[in-house]
Amino acid sequence: QVHLVESGGGLVETGESLRLSCAASGRTASNYATAWFRQAPGKEREFVAGFSRTGSNTYYADSVRGRFTISRDKGKGMVYLQMNSLLPEDTAVYFCATSSTVILSALRSQGAYAYWGQGTQVTVAS
């Protein structure tokens, strides 16, 4: 199994930045798709950003494109989400997720991911 632990969340003001980290441990494969999702109170969990299994392509939700950047250090088992120009609408619990079997057509679907972290809270004050 793969264990994921998110960190880096906190309380910031509109326009500020945060960098989230996701540490992976346990059994991993060389080609794992990894993504960040978020869930705000009263809303469905939504895709934020993700890597293809090869890591050669990145994908972003329209709402965060140009503001957020996903990156990873594969050798260290770390995935990051740099969040700039934060907005109150970004307030949510952020989760990282990974799977060795995600195909491109399902990369944005939470059902495609077998392993999830516990989440880290991001709160953006207006």
C-alpha atoms as a PDB file:
ATOM      1  CA  GLN A   1       0.000   0.000   0.000  1.00  0.00           C
ATOM      2  CA  VAL A   2       0.928   3.630  -0.415  1.00  0.00           C
ATOM      3  CA  HIS A   3       0.648   6.133   2.410  1.00  0.00           C
ATOM      4  CA  LEU A   4       0.274   9.810   1.646  1.00  0.00           C
ATOM      5  CA  VAL A   5       0.637  12.665   4.104  1.00  0.00           C
ATOM      6  CA  GLU A   6      -0.145  16.258   3.195  1.00  0.00           C
ATOM      7  CA  SER A   7       1.284  19.275   4.946  1.00  0.00           C
ATOM      8  CA  GLY A   8       1.710  22.991   4.432  1.00  0.00           C
ATOM      9  CA  GLY A   9      -1.836  24.216   4.831  1.00  0.00           C
ATOM     10  CA  GLY A  10      -2.715  27.200   6.933  1.00  0.00           C
ATOM     11  CA  LEU A  11      -4.456  30.528   7.169  1.00  0.00           C
ATOM     12  CA  VAL A  12      -3.461  33.248   4.721  1.00  0.00           C
ATOM     13  CA  GLU A  13      -4.926  36.425   3.317  1.00  0.00           C
ATOM     14  CA  THR A  14      -6.172  36.980  -0.201  1.00  0.00           C
ATOM     15  CA  GLY A  15      -3.287  37.294  -2.641  1.00  0.00           C
ATOM     16  CA  GLU A  16      -0.770  35.410  -0.535  1.00  0.00           C
ATOM     17  CA  SER A  17       0.850  32.065  -1.276  1.00  0.00           C
ATOM     18  CA  LEU A  18       1.161  28.606   0.207  1.00  0.00           C
ATOM     19  CA  ARG A  19       3.149  25.552  -0.785  1.00  0.00           C
ATOM     20  CA  LEU A  20       1.564  22.201  -0.017  1.00  0.00           C
ATOM     21  CA  SER A  21       3.613  19.035   0.244  1.00  0.00           C
ATOM     22  CA  CYS A  22       2.609  15.415  -0.110  1.00  0.00           C
ATOM     23  CA  ALA A  23       4.969  12.742   1.166  1.00  0.00           C
ATOM     24  CA  ALA A  24       4.524   9.242  -0.219  1.00  0.00           C
ATOM     25  CA  SER A  25       5.767   6.081   1.438  1.00  0.00           C
ATOM     26  CA  GLY A  26       5.202   2.366   1.121  1.00  0.00           C
ATOM     27  CA  ARG A  27       4.946   0.466  -2.107  1.00  0.00           C
ATOM     28  CA  THR A  28       5.291   2.695  -5.115  1.00  0.00           C
ATOM     29  CA  ALA A  29       5.768   2.163  -8.810  1.00  0.00           C
ATOM     30  CA  SER A  30       7.973   4.096 -11.149  1.00  0.00           C
ATOM     31  CA  ASN A  31       4.994   5.449 -13.054  1.00  0.00           C
ATOM     32  CA  TYR A  32       2.378   6.790 -10.647  1.00  0.00           C
ATOM     33  CA  ALA A  33      -0.173   9.377 -11.583  1.00  0.00           C
ATOM     34  CA  THR A  34      -0.541  11.937  -8.814  1.00  0.00           C
ATOM     35  CA  ALA A  35      -3.110  14.637  -8.289  1.00  0.00           C
ATOM     36  CA  TRP A  36      -4.373  17.228  -5.866  1.00  0.00           C
ATOM     37  CA  PHE A  37      -8.060  17.496  -5.064  1.00  0.00           C
ATOM     38  CA  ARG A  38      -9.899  19.828  -2.744  1.00  0.00           C
ATOM     39  CA  GLN A  39     -13.208  19.893  -0.947  1.00  0.00           C
ATOM     40  CA  ALA A  40     -14.876  22.961   0.495  1.00  0.00           C
ATOM     41  CA  PRO A  41     -17.749  22.801   2.995  1.00  0.00           C
ATOM     42  CA  GLY A  42     -20.977  21.950   1.244  1.00  0.00           C
ATOM     43  CA  LYS A  43     -19.257  21.243  -2.055  1.00  0.00           C
ATOM     44  CA  GLU A  44     -18.143  18.172  -3.943  1.00  0.00           C
ATOM     45  CA  ARG A  45     -14.523  17.156  -3.989  1.00  0.00           C
ATOM     46  CA  GLU A  46     -12.947  18.588  -7.116  1.00  0.00           C
ATOM     47  CA  PHE A  47      -9.813  18.074  -9.137  1.00  0.00           C
ATOM     48  CA  VAL A  48      -7.175  20.768  -8.796  1.00  0.00           C
ATOM     49  CA  ALA A  49      -3.993  19.618 -10.534  1.00  0.00           C
ATOM     50  CA  GLY A  50      -2.305  16.408 -11.555  1.00  0.00           C
ATOM     51  CA  PHE A  51       0.494  14.569 -13.319  1.00  0.00           C
ATOM     52  CA  SER A  52       0.210  11.875 -15.915  1.00  0.00           C
ATOM     53  CA  ARG A  53       1.838   8.580 -14.972  1.00  0.00           C
ATOM     54  CA  THR A  54       4.983   9.462 -16.863  1.00  0.00           C
ATOM     55  CA  GLY A  55       5.124  12.908 -15.330  1.00  0.00           C
ATOM     56  CA  SER A  56       5.554  14.429 -18.746  1.00  0.00           C
ATOM     57  CA  ASN A  57       2.208  16.222 -18.707  1.00  0.00           C
ATOM     58  CA  THR A  58       0.444  18.327 -16.123  1.00  0.00           C
ATOM     59  CA  TYR A  59      -3.220  19.218 -15.906  1.00  0.00           C
ATOM     60  CA  TYR A  60      -5.053  21.949 -14.041  1.00  0.00           C
ATOM     61  CA  ALA A  61      -8.576  22.902 -13.213  1.00  0.00           C
ATOM     62  CA  ASP A  62      -9.628  26.057 -15.012  1.00  0.00           C
ATOM     63  CA  SER A  63     -10.156  27.791 -11.684  1.00  0.00           C
ATOM     64  CA  VAL A  64      -6.496  27.470 -10.680  1.00  0.00           C
ATOM     65  CA  ARG A  65      -4.668  27.517 -13.995  1.00  0.00           C
ATOM     66  CA  GLY A  66      -1.998  30.185 -13.976  1.00  0.00           C
ATOM     67  CA  ARG A  67      -2.030  30.461 -10.184  1.00  0.00           C
ATOM     68  CA  PHE A  68      -1.169  26.943  -8.998  1.00  0.00           C
ATOM     69  CA  THR A  69       1.749  24.763 -10.043  1.00  0.00           C
ATOM     70  CA  ILE A  70       2.139  21.049  -9.396  1.00  0.00           C
ATOM     71  CA  SER A  71       5.618  19.578  -9.202  1.00  0.00           C
ATOM     72  CA  ARG A  72       7.355  16.556  -7.776  1.00  0.00           C
ATOM     73  CA  ASP A  73      10.625  15.080  -6.659  1.00  0.00           C
ATOM     74  CA  LYS A  74      10.134  11.494  -7.733  1.00  0.00           C
ATOM     75  CA  GLY A  75      13.262  10.206  -6.052  1.00  0.00           C
ATOM     76  CA  LYS A  76      12.151  11.598  -2.684  1.00  0.00           C
ATOM     77  CA  GLY A  77       8.543  10.565  -3.057  1.00  0.00           C
ATOM     78  CA  MET A  78       7.385  14.161  -2.753  1.00  0.00           C
ATOM     79  CA  VAL A  79       4.688  16.028  -4.624  1.00  0.00           C
ATOM     80  CA  TYR A  80       4.098  19.744  -4.244  1.00  0.00           C
ATOM     81  CA  LEU A  81       1.392  22.246  -4.996  1.00  0.00           C
ATOM     82  CA  GLN A  82       2.546  25.834  -5.150  1.00  0.00           C
ATOM     83  CA  MET A  83      -0.476  28.075  -4.717  1.00  0.00           C
ATOM     84  CA  ASN A  84      -0.096  31.736  -5.587  1.00  0.00           C
ATOM     85  CA  SER A  85      -2.571  34.605  -5.658  1.00  0.00           C
ATOM     86  CA  LEU A  86      -4.876  32.746  -3.328  1.00  0.00           C
ATOM     87  CA  LEU A  87      -8.546  33.640  -3.234  1.00  0.00           C
ATOM     88  CA  PRO A  88     -11.236  33.008  -0.629  1.00  0.00           C
ATOM     89  CA  GLU A  89     -12.745  30.558  -3.119  1.00  0.00           C
ATOM     90  CA  ASP A  90      -9.626  28.414  -2.683  1.00  0.00           C
ATOM     91  CA  THR A  91     -10.545  27.693   0.929  1.00  0.00           C
ATOM     92  CA  ALA A  92     -10.876  23.930   1.262  1.00  0.00           C
ATOM     93  CA  VAL A  93      -9.300  20.774   2.560  1.00  0.00           C
ATOM     94  CA  TYR A  94      -6.662  19.743   0.049  1.00  0.00           C
ATOM     95  CA  PHE A  95      -5.911  16.085  -0.607  1.00  0.00           C
ATOM     96  CA  CYS A  96      -3.207  14.394  -2.584  1.00  0.00           C
ATOM     97  CA  ALA A  97      -3.953  11.139  -4.345  1.00  0.00           C
ATOM     98  CA  THR A  98      -2.034   8.653  -6.435  1.00  0.00           C
ATOM     99  CA  SER A  99      -2.465   5.487  -8.457  1.00  0.00           C
ATOM    100  CA  SER A 100      -0.407   3.340 -10.769  1.00  0.00           C
ATOM    101  CA  THR A 101      -3.342   2.608 -13.060  1.00  0.00           C
ATOM    102  CA  VAL A 102      -4.727   6.016 -14.006  1.00  0.00           C
ATOM    103  CA  ILE A 103      -5.187   6.636 -17.698  1.00  0.00           C
ATOM    104  CA  LEU A 104      -5.286  10.090 -19.196  1.00  0.00           C
ATOM    105  CA  SER A 105      -9.035  10.099 -19.716  1.00  0.00           C
ATOM    106  CA  ALA A 106      -9.615   9.460 -16.000  1.00  0.00           C
ATOM    107  CA  LEU A 107      -6.878  11.618 -14.539  1.00  0.00           C
ATOM    108  CA  ARG A 108      -9.345  14.257 -13.292  1.00  0.00           C
ATOM    109  CA  SER A 109     -11.663  11.707 -11.686  1.00  0.00           C
ATOM    110  CA  GLN A 110     -11.311  11.010  -7.979  1.00  0.00           C
ATOM    111  CA  GLY A 111     -12.554   7.478  -8.549  1.00  0.00           C
ATOM    112  CA  ALA A 112      -9.408   6.684 -10.489  1.00  0.00           C
ATOM    113  CA  TYR A 113      -7.151   7.076  -7.459  1.00  0.00           C
ATOM    114  CA  ALA A 114      -6.522   4.230  -5.059  1.00  0.00           C
ATOM    115  CA  TYR A 115      -4.544   6.073  -2.395  1.00  0.00           C
ATOM    116  CA  TRP A 116      -5.384   9.283  -0.565  1.00  0.00           C
ATOM    117  CA  GLY A 117      -3.852  11.417   2.123  1.00  0.00           C
ATOM    118  CA  GLN A 118      -5.691  12.739   5.160  1.00  0.00           C
ATOM    119  CA  GLY A 119      -5.960  16.267   3.827  1.00  0.00           C
ATOM    120  CA  THR A 120      -4.607  19.624   4.902  1.00  0.00           C
ATOM    121  CA  GLN A 121      -6.742  22.686   5.545  1.00  0.00           C
ATOM    122  CA  VAL A 122      -6.215  25.831   3.515  1.00  0.00           C
ATOM    123  CA  THR A 123      -8.115  28.914   4.601  1.00  0.00           C
ATOM    124  CA  VAL A 124      -7.926  32.166   2.665  1.00  0.00           C
ATOM    125  CA  ALA A 125      -9.297  35.203   4.434  1.00  0.00           C
ATOM    126  CA  SER A 126     -10.883  38.004   2.442  1.00  0.00           C
END
